[in-house]
C-alpha cells in the first residue's frame, strides 16, 4: 500500500510534510501527462480501426460482387456466401470492439481527470495563496515592537486566524490528494480491465464464428481439391489442342473448312469495296447462310444481309483490277466487289457462292417437280 499524506504532519506543517506534498504534486502532474497520452493514442487507434473497418466493408462488397460470377455452381456460391456472411460478422465484432475500447479507455479516464484534477488544481491555488498569507502574517507578527501592545495583539490575532484558515485548507488539500491517489488506482485498473474484457469478448466471438464455419471450410477444401484436379486435366487438354493446331497451321495460311457448329456454308474475313468510294475497302466478316450473303462490320454491330437471294445472283472473278484476289457478286439491283487474302481463299469463296447458287436452283426445281407430280383429286357428285 502506498504511503499517504499524514494529517498530523499536515497540521504541524513540518518539512517532512512539505517534502511529501511536493512528491504527491509531482506524481499527479506526471500521471495527468501519461493519462492524456494514453487517451490520445487510444483515439488514434480507434480512428485507424474505424478506417480499417470501412476499407474491410468495401472489400467484402467487392467479394460479394465477385461471388455472383460463380452463380452457375451452387456449391461454390453457397460457400462463398457463407464466408462473406462470416466475414461480415467479424466487421460487426470489430465495430463493437472499437466502441467498447473508446468507452473503456477514453471515457473512464476522462471522468477521472475531469472529476479530480481540476478540483485539485483549484484547491492547490487556494492552499498556496493562504500559505503566502500565513508567511506574511507570521512576518508582521514577528516585526511588531513589544512596546506597541495593541499592534502586537492585532498581529497575534491575525496570525492565529490565518494559521487556522491555512490548516483548514491544508487538511482539505491533503484529503483530496489522498482520495485521488486511492481512486486513480481503481479507475485505471477498471479501465484496463474493461479494455481487456472487450478484447476477450471479441476473440471469443471470433472463435465461435470460425468454429461454425468449419464445416463450410471442409466442403470448400474438398471442392478446391476436385477443381484443382479438373483444372489440371483441362489445362493439359488445352495445351495438347494448342500444340496440334499450332503444328497444323504452322504456315499461317487461313484454313478453309466447313462450319459444322453453325448453319453457315463458309465464313471468314473479306475486304468489301465501298459503294460510294470505290477506292475505299473495309475488312468485314462474311458468311453464307440460307441462300443469303451476310456480313458484319465489327463484333459490336449486328449482322446485315448483303444479298437477299443468291439464286438471283452471279459471281465472277475480277482479273482486270489492280488489287489481287478479287471477285464480284452481281444481282439485278446491285453489285459488290470483294477481296480475299489469298488465291486459295478466293477460289473457296467462288466455289461456295457458285455452289450455293446451283443448290438453290436445284432445290427450286425439285420443289416444282414435286408439286407437278402430285395426284389431282377430283370430287364427283351423283
Protein backbone atom coordinates (compact mmCIF):
# COMPACT_ATOMS: atom_id res chain seq x y z
CA UNK A 1 0.00 0.00 0.00
CA UNK A 2 1.42 3.37 -1.00
CA UNK A 3 2.03 5.92 1.72
CA UNK A 4 -0.48 8.74 2.07
CA UNK A 5 -0.10 12.23 3.47
CA UNK A 6 -0.18 12.34 7.26
CA UNK A 7 -2.85 14.69 8.60
CA UNK A 8 -0.89 15.25 11.85
CA UNK A 9 2.16 16.35 9.91
CA UNK A 10 -0.13 18.49 7.77
CA UNK A 11 -1.39 20.37 10.86
CA UNK A 12 2.20 20.90 12.03
CA UNK A 13 3.25 21.94 8.51
CA UNK A 14 6.58 20.22 9.07
CA UNK A 15 9.37 19.99 6.47
CA UNK A 16 8.60 16.28 6.11
CA UNK A 17 5.00 17.16 5.18
CA UNK A 18 6.21 19.75 2.67
CA UNK A 19 8.55 17.18 1.09
CA UNK A 20 5.80 14.56 0.83
CA UNK A 21 3.41 17.18 -0.56
CA UNK A 22 5.87 18.11 -3.31
CA UNK A 23 6.24 14.43 -4.24
CA UNK A 24 2.47 13.98 -4.38
CA UNK A 25 2.01 17.04 -6.61
CA UNK A 26 4.78 15.84 -8.95
CA UNK A 27 3.14 12.42 -9.18
CA UNK A 28 -0.23 14.00 -10.00
CA UNK A 29 1.34 16.11 -12.75
CA UNK A 30 3.15 13.10 -14.27
CA UNK A 31 0.02 10.97 -14.05
CA UNK A 32 -2.04 13.64 -15.81
CA UNK A 33 0.51 13.76 -18.65
CA UNK A 34 0.52 9.98 -19.03
CA UNK A 35 -3.26 9.76 -18.91
CA UNK A 36 -3.55 12.40 -21.61
CA UNK A 37 -1.04 10.49 -23.76
CA UNK A 38 -2.93 7.21 -23.35
CA UNK A 39 -6.24 8.81 -24.27
CA UNK A 40 -4.78 10.43 -27.40
CA UNK A 41 -3.19 7.16 -28.50
CA UNK A 42 -6.47 5.35 -27.87
CA UNK A 43 -8.33 7.87 -30.04
CA UNK A 44 -5.82 7.39 -32.86
CA UNK A 45 -6.09 3.61 -32.53
CA UNK A 46 -9.90 3.72 -32.70
CA UNK A 47 -9.80 6.07 -35.72
CA UNK A 48 -7.39 3.71 -37.51
CA UNK A 49 -9.64 0.78 -36.63
CA UNK A 50 -12.70 2.55 -37.99
CA UNK A 51 -10.82 3.31 -41.22
CA UNK A 52 -9.82 -0.36 -41.43
CA UNK A 53 -13.45 -1.36 -40.89
CA UNK A 54 -14.62 0.93 -43.68
CA UNK A 55 -12.00 -0.49 -46.07
CA UNK A 56 -12.91 -4.02 -44.98
CA UNK A 57 -16.57 -3.33 -45.68
CA UNK A 58 -15.72 -2.15 -49.20
CA UNK A 59 -13.61 -5.26 -49.73
CA UNK A 60 -16.49 -7.52 -48.66
CA UNK A 61 -18.82 -5.71 -51.05
CA UNK A 62 -16.38 -6.39 -53.87
CA UNK A 63 -16.10 -10.01 -52.77
CA UNK A 64 -19.89 -10.34 -52.84
CA UNK A 65 -19.95 -8.98 -56.40
CA UNK A 66 -17.22 -11.44 -57.36
CA UNK A 67 -19.22 -14.37 -55.99
CA UNK A 68 -22.06 -13.60 -58.42
CA UNK A 69 -19.81 -14.76 -61.29
CA UNK A 70 -19.95 -18.28 -59.84
CA UNK A 71 -23.76 -18.43 -59.76
CA UNK A 72 -23.81 -21.45 -62.08
CA UNK A 73 -22.11 -23.55 -59.39
CA UNK A 74 -24.46 -23.66 -56.39
CA UNK A 75 -21.95 -25.33 -54.05
CA UNK A 76 -19.25 -22.71 -54.61
CA UNK A 77 -21.81 -19.89 -54.47
CA UNK A 78 -23.21 -21.13 -51.14
CA UNK A 79 -19.71 -21.49 -49.65
CA UNK A 80 -18.68 -18.01 -50.76
CA UNK A 81 -21.92 -16.52 -49.43
CA UNK A 82 -21.38 -18.18 -46.05
CA UNK A 83 -17.78 -16.94 -45.98
CA UNK A 84 -18.96 -13.45 -46.83
CA UNK A 85 -21.56 -13.53 -44.07
CA UNK A 86 -18.94 -14.76 -41.59
CA UNK A 87 -16.50 -12.03 -42.57
CA UNK A 88 -19.32 -9.50 -42.27
CA UNK A 89 -19.84 -10.69 -38.71
CA UNK A 90 -16.15 -10.04 -37.98
CA UNK A 91 -16.64 -6.47 -39.21
CA UNK A 92 -19.51 -6.11 -36.74
CA UNK A 93 -17.33 -7.58 -33.99
CA UNK A 94 -14.62 -5.04 -34.78
CA UNK A 95 -17.17 -2.22 -34.63
CA UNK A 96 -18.29 -3.34 -31.16
CA UNK A 97 -14.66 -3.71 -30.06
CA UNK A 98 -13.77 -0.16 -31.10
CA UNK A 99 -16.86 1.22 -29.37
CA UNK A 100 -16.07 -0.66 -26.16
CA UNK A 101 -12.42 0.43 -26.32
CA UNK A 102 -13.48 4.05 -26.65
CA UNK A 103 -15.73 3.77 -23.61
CA UNK A 104 -13.30 1.68 -21.56
CA UNK A 105 -10.23 3.89 -22.01
CA UNK A 106 -11.23 7.39 -23.03
CA UNK A 107 -14.50 7.83 -21.16
CA UNK A 108 -13.39 6.31 -17.86
CA UNK A 109 -10.02 8.04 -17.81
CA UNK A 110 -11.63 11.31 -18.88
CA UNK A 111 -14.01 11.03 -15.95
CA UNK A 112 -11.05 10.51 -13.64
CA UNK A 113 -9.26 13.56 -14.98
CA UNK A 114 -12.30 15.84 -15.03
CA UNK A 115 -13.57 14.74 -11.61
CA UNK A 116 -10.38 15.14 -9.55
CA UNK A 117 -7.62 17.06 -11.32
CA UNK A 118 -9.41 20.41 -11.89
CA UNK A 119 -10.61 20.40 -8.28
CA UNK A 120 -7.08 19.59 -7.08
CA UNK A 121 -5.68 22.45 -9.14
CA UNK A 122 -8.22 24.91 -7.69
CA UNK A 123 -7.63 23.74 -4.11
CA UNK A 124 -3.86 23.98 -4.59
CA UNK A 125 -4.14 27.59 -5.75
CA UNK A 126 -6.11 28.48 -2.60
CA UNK A 127 -3.66 26.49 -0.47
CA UNK A 128 -0.69 28.38 -1.93
CA UNK A 129 -2.44 31.74 -1.51
CA UNK A 130 -3.33 31.04 2.14
CA UNK A 131 0.24 29.79 2.68
CA UNK A 132 1.59 33.11 1.41
CA UNK A 133 -0.86 34.97 3.68
CA UNK A 134 0.39 32.88 6.61
CA UNK A 135 4.01 33.78 5.82
CA UNK A 136 3.11 37.47 5.71
CA UNK A 137 1.10 37.26 8.94
CA UNK A 138 3.96 35.47 10.70
CA UNK A 139 6.45 38.07 9.45
CA UNK A 140 4.28 41.00 10.63
CA UNK A 141 3.72 39.34 13.96
CA UNK A 142 7.47 38.96 14.39
CA UNK A 143 8.19 42.57 13.40
CA UNK A 144 5.77 44.23 15.91
CA UNK A 145 7.57 46.03 18.79
CA UNK A 146 6.92 44.87 22.33
CA UNK A 147 6.14 48.44 23.26
CA UNK A 148 3.12 48.51 20.92
CA UNK A 149 0.68 46.38 22.78
CA UNK A 150 -2.37 46.97 20.58
CA UNK A 151 -0.44 46.29 17.36
CA UNK A 152 1.06 43.19 18.85
CA UNK A 153 -2.36 41.92 19.89
CA UNK A 154 -3.81 42.54 16.42
CA UNK A 155 -0.85 40.81 14.78
CA UNK A 156 -1.24 37.84 17.10
CA UNK A 157 -4.96 37.52 16.36
CA UNK A 158 -4.30 37.82 12.59
CA UNK A 159 -1.62 35.16 12.76
CA UNK A 160 -3.89 32.81 14.71
CA UNK A 161 -6.80 33.26 12.28
CA UNK A 162 -4.58 32.85 9.24
CA UNK A 163 -2.99 29.71 10.69
CA UNK A 164 -6.42 28.18 11.34
CA UNK A 165 -7.51 29.01 7.80
CA UNK A 166 -4.28 27.58 6.41
CA UNK A 167 -4.69 24.38 8.43
CA UNK A 168 -8.25 24.05 7.19
CA UNK A 169 -7.22 24.38 3.52
CA UNK A 170 -4.19 22.16 4.07
CA UNK A 171 -6.33 19.38 5.55
CA UNK A 172 -8.84 19.66 2.66
CA UNK A 173 -5.98 19.62 0.15
CA UNK A 174 -4.42 16.55 1.78
CA UNK A 175 -7.78 14.77 1.82
CA UNK A 176 -8.29 15.41 -1.92
CA UNK A 177 -4.74 14.25 -2.73
CA UNK A 178 -5.13 11.07 -0.68
CA UNK A 179 -8.56 10.39 -2.19
CA UNK A 180 -7.23 10.93 -5.71
CA UNK A 181 -4.26 8.66 -5.15
CA UNK A 182 -6.56 5.92 -3.87
CA UNK A 183 -9.25 6.35 -6.50
CA UNK A 184 -6.95 6.65 -9.52
CA UNK A 185 -5.68 3.11 -8.99
CA UNK A 186 -9.23 1.76 -9.07
CA UNK A 187 -10.24 3.80 -12.11
CA UNK A 188 -7.11 2.97 -14.13
CA UNK A 189 -7.31 -0.73 -13.27
CA UNK A 190 -11.03 -0.80 -14.08
CA UNK A 191 -10.38 0.96 -17.40
CA UNK A 192 -7.68 -1.51 -18.43
CA UNK A 193 -9.79 -4.43 -17.23
CA UNK A 194 -12.74 -3.25 -19.34
CA UNK A 195 -10.46 -2.95 -22.37
CA UNK A 196 -9.01 -6.45 -21.91
CA UNK A 197 -12.52 -7.84 -21.36
CA UNK A 198 -13.61 -6.28 -24.65
CA UNK A 199 -10.64 -7.96 -26.34
CA UNK A 200 -11.54 -11.27 -24.71
CA UNK A 201 -15.14 -10.99 -25.91
CA UNK A 202 -14.00 -10.08 -29.43
CA UNK A 203 -11.70 -13.08 -29.82
CA UNK A 204 -14.17 -15.44 -28.15
CA UNK A 205 -16.90 -14.39 -30.59
CA UNK A 206 -14.46 -14.78 -33.47
CA UNK A 207 -13.53 -18.27 -32.32
CA UNK A 208 -17.18 -19.32 -32.10
CA UNK A 209 -17.83 -17.85 -35.56
CA UNK A 210 -14.93 -19.70 -37.18
CA UNK A 211 -15.91 -22.91 -35.44
CA UNK A 212 -19.36 -22.61 -37.01
CA UNK A 213 -17.71 -22.06 -40.40
CA UNK A 214 -15.54 -25.17 -40.07
CA UNK A 215 -17.95 -27.50 -41.98
CA UNK A 216 -18.16 -24.95 -44.79
CA UNK A 217 -14.38 -24.72 -44.89
CA UNK A 218 -14.10 -28.51 -45.17
CA UNK A 219 -16.63 -28.51 -48.02
CA UNK A 220 -14.73 -25.75 -49.78
CA UNK A 221 -11.43 -27.61 -49.29
CA UNK A 222 -12.90 -30.71 -50.95
CA UNK A 223 -14.27 -28.61 -53.82
CA UNK A 224 -10.89 -26.93 -54.25
CA UNK A 225 -9.16 -30.30 -54.46
CA UNK A 226 -11.62 -31.53 -57.08
CA UNK A 227 -11.46 -28.29 -59.07
CA UNK A 228 -7.66 -28.37 -59.00
CA UNK A 229 -7.63 -31.88 -60.45
CA UNK A 230 -10.18 -30.95 -63.12
CA UNK A 231 -8.25 -27.79 -63.94
CA UNK A 232 -5.02 -29.75 -64.37
CA UNK A 233 -6.74 -32.16 -66.79
CA UNK A 234 -8.38 -29.32 -68.69
CA UNK A 235 -5.11 -27.41 -68.91
CA UNK A 236 -3.38 -30.49 -70.32
CA UNK A 237 -6.14 -30.90 -72.93
CA UNK A 238 -5.84 -27.25 -73.92
CA UNK A 239 -2.07 -27.50 -74.23
CA UNK A 240 -2.37 -30.59 -76.45
CA UNK A 241 -5.05 -28.94 -78.60
CA UNK A 242 -2.96 -25.80 -78.85
CA UNK A 243 0.05 -27.83 -79.96
CA UNK A 244 -1.96 -29.69 -82.60
CA UNK A 245 -3.46 -26.51 -84.02
CA UNK A 246 -0.08 -24.81 -83.96
CA UNK A 247 1.56 -27.69 -85.85
CA UNK A 248 -1.29 -27.92 -88.34
CA UNK A 249 -1.36 -24.20 -89.07
CA UNK A 250 2.38 -23.57 -88.90
CA UNK A 251 2.28 -21.88 -92.32
CA UNK A 252 -0.01 -19.14 -91.06
CA UNK A 253 -2.32 -19.52 -94.07
CA UNK A 254 -6.05 -19.20 -93.31
CA UNK A 255 -7.87 -22.51 -93.30
CA UNK A 256 -10.82 -23.26 -95.49
CA UNK A 257 -13.19 -25.77 -93.95
CA UNK A 258 -16.81 -26.36 -93.22
CA UNK A 259 -18.63 -24.94 -90.22
CA UNK A 260 -20.43 -27.84 -88.53
CA UNK A 261 -21.45 -25.99 -85.34
CA UNK A 262 -23.36 -23.39 -87.36
CA UNK A 263 -25.62 -23.25 -90.40
CA UNK A 264 -23.03 -21.29 -92.38
CA UNK A 265 -21.66 -22.90 -95.54
CA UNK A 266 -18.48 -20.81 -95.38
CA UNK A 267 -17.36 -17.92 -93.23
CA UNK A 268 -14.34 -15.67 -92.90
CA UNK A 269 -12.90 -12.21 -93.45
CA UNK A 270 -13.13 -10.45 -96.81
CA UNK A 271 -12.45 -6.90 -97.94
CA UNK A 272 -15.56 -5.13 -99.22
CA UNK A 273 -15.35 -2.19 -101.60
CA UNK A 274 -17.42 0.81 -100.63
CA UNK A 275 -20.30 1.65 -102.95
CA UNK A 276 -19.80 5.39 -102.54
CA UNK A 277 -15.98 5.49 -102.53
CA UNK A 278 -14.55 2.97 -104.96
CA UNK A 279 -11.05 3.24 -103.55
CA UNK A 280 -12.18 2.52 -100.01
CA UNK A 281 -12.11 -1.09 -98.83
CA UNK A 282 -13.20 -2.31 -95.40
CA UNK A 283 -12.48 -5.70 -93.87
CA UNK A 284 -15.68 -7.42 -92.71
CA UNK A 285 -16.77 -10.86 -91.56
CA UNK A 286 -18.82 -12.69 -94.23
CA UNK A 287 -20.84 -15.89 -94.18
CA UNK A 288 -23.29 -17.74 -96.42
CA UNK A 289 -26.47 -18.94 -94.74
CA UNK A 290 -29.91 -19.83 -96.10
CA UNK A 291 -29.05 -18.68 -99.63
CA UNK A 292 -28.04 -15.28 -98.26
CA UNK A 293 -24.69 -13.47 -98.08
CA UNK A 294 -24.40 -11.94 -94.61
CA UNK A 295 -21.69 -9.69 -93.21
CA UNK A 296 -20.74 -7.82 -90.02
CA UNK A 297 -18.61 -4.70 -89.95
CA UNK A 298 -17.47 -5.33 -86.37
CA UNK A 299 -18.23 -7.60 -83.43
CA UNK A 300 -20.20 -4.79 -81.79
CA UNK A 301 -22.66 -4.49 -84.70
CA UNK A 302 -25.43 -6.84 -85.77
CA UNK A 303 -25.13 -8.94 -88.90
CA UNK A 304 -26.56 -7.41 -92.10
CA UNK A 305 -27.78 -9.12 -95.28
CA UNK A 306 -25.81 -8.04 -98.32
CA UNK A 307 -27.68 -10.22 -100.88
CA UNK A 308 -31.15 -11.49 -100.02
CA UNK A 309 -31.31 -14.37 -102.51
CA UNK A 310 -28.23 -15.90 -104.10
CA UNK A 311 -30.45 -17.54 -106.79
CA UNK A 312 -30.77 -14.11 -108.34
CA UNK A 313 -27.01 -13.52 -108.30
CA UNK A 314 -23.98 -14.34 -110.37
CA UNK A 315 -20.38 -14.49 -109.28
CA UNK A 316 -17.22 -13.92 -111.30
CA UNK A 317 -13.54 -13.34 -110.77
CA UNK A 318 -12.12 -9.83 -111.29
CA UNK A 319 -8.83 -10.15 -113.10
CA UNK A 320 -8.65 -6.62 -114.52
CA UNK A 321 -8.35 -4.90 -111.12
CA UNK A 322 -5.07 -3.75 -109.64
CA UNK A 323 -5.88 -5.42 -106.31
CA UNK A 324 -5.30 -9.18 -106.13
CA UNK A 325 -7.70 -11.99 -105.26
CA UNK A 326 -10.85 -10.01 -106.09
CA UNK A 327 -14.21 -11.29 -107.26
CA UNK A 328 -17.62 -9.77 -107.78
CA UNK A 329 -21.16 -10.75 -106.89
CA UNK A 330 -23.91 -9.30 -109.08
CA UNK A 331 -27.67 -9.16 -108.89
CA UNK A 332 -30.37 -7.19 -110.66
CA UNK A 333 -30.33 -4.44 -108.06
CA UNK A 334 -26.63 -4.13 -107.19
CA UNK A 335 -23.13 -5.50 -107.44
CA UNK A 336 -20.38 -5.80 -104.85
CA UNK A 337 -16.63 -6.28 -105.22
CA UNK A 338 -14.94 -8.48 -102.58
CA UNK A 339 -11.31 -9.38 -101.95
CA UNK A 340 -9.86 -12.46 -100.22
CA UNK A 341 -6.47 -12.75 -98.52
CA UNK A 342 -5.13 -15.38 -100.93
CA UNK A 343 -5.89 -17.17 -104.18
CA UNK A 344 -6.87 -20.28 -102.22
CA UNK A 345 -9.45 -18.36 -100.19
CA UNK A 346 -10.71 -16.60 -103.30
CA UNK A 347 -11.35 -19.91 -105.07
CA UNK A 348 -13.01 -21.29 -101.94
CA UNK A 349 -15.43 -18.36 -101.83
CA UNK A 350 -16.11 -18.58 -105.56
CA UNK A 351 -16.87 -22.28 -105.24
CA UNK A 352 -19.05 -21.73 -102.16
CA UNK A 353 -21.03 -18.92 -103.79
CA UNK A 354 -21.49 -20.79 -107.09
CA UNK A 355 -22.38 -23.94 -105.18
CA UNK A 356 -24.99 -22.06 -103.13
CA UNK A 357 -26.46 -20.58 -106.31
CA UNK A 358 -26.61 -24.00 -108.01
CA UNK A 359 -28.02 -25.66 -104.88
CA UNK A 360 -30.72 -23.05 -104.63
CA UNK A 361 -31.74 -23.67 -108.26
CA UNK A 362 -31.80 -27.44 -107.71
CA UNK A 363 -33.94 -27.09 -104.61
CA UNK A 364 -36.34 -24.83 -106.51
CA UNK A 365 -36.54 -27.29 -109.43
CA UNK A 366 -37.09 -30.28 -107.14
CA UNK A 367 -39.88 -28.41 -105.36
CA UNK A 368 -41.58 -27.61 -108.68
CA UNK A 369 -41.35 -31.20 -109.89
CA UNK A 370 -42.76 -32.49 -106.63
CA UNK A 371 -45.72 -30.16 -106.89
CA UNK A 372 -46.29 -31.13 -110.60
CA UNK A 373 -46.17 -34.86 -109.85
CA UNK A 374 -48.68 -34.81 -107.02
CA UNK A 375 -52.04 -36.56 -107.79
CA UNK A 376 -55.04 -34.44 -108.73
CA UNK A 377 -58.06 -35.17 -106.59
CA UNK A 378 -61.40 -34.62 -108.24
CA UNK A 379 -64.64 -34.70 -106.34
CA UNK A 380 -67.56 -36.24 -108.31
CA UNK A 381 -71.18 -35.87 -107.26
CA UNK A 382 -74.03 -38.06 -108.40
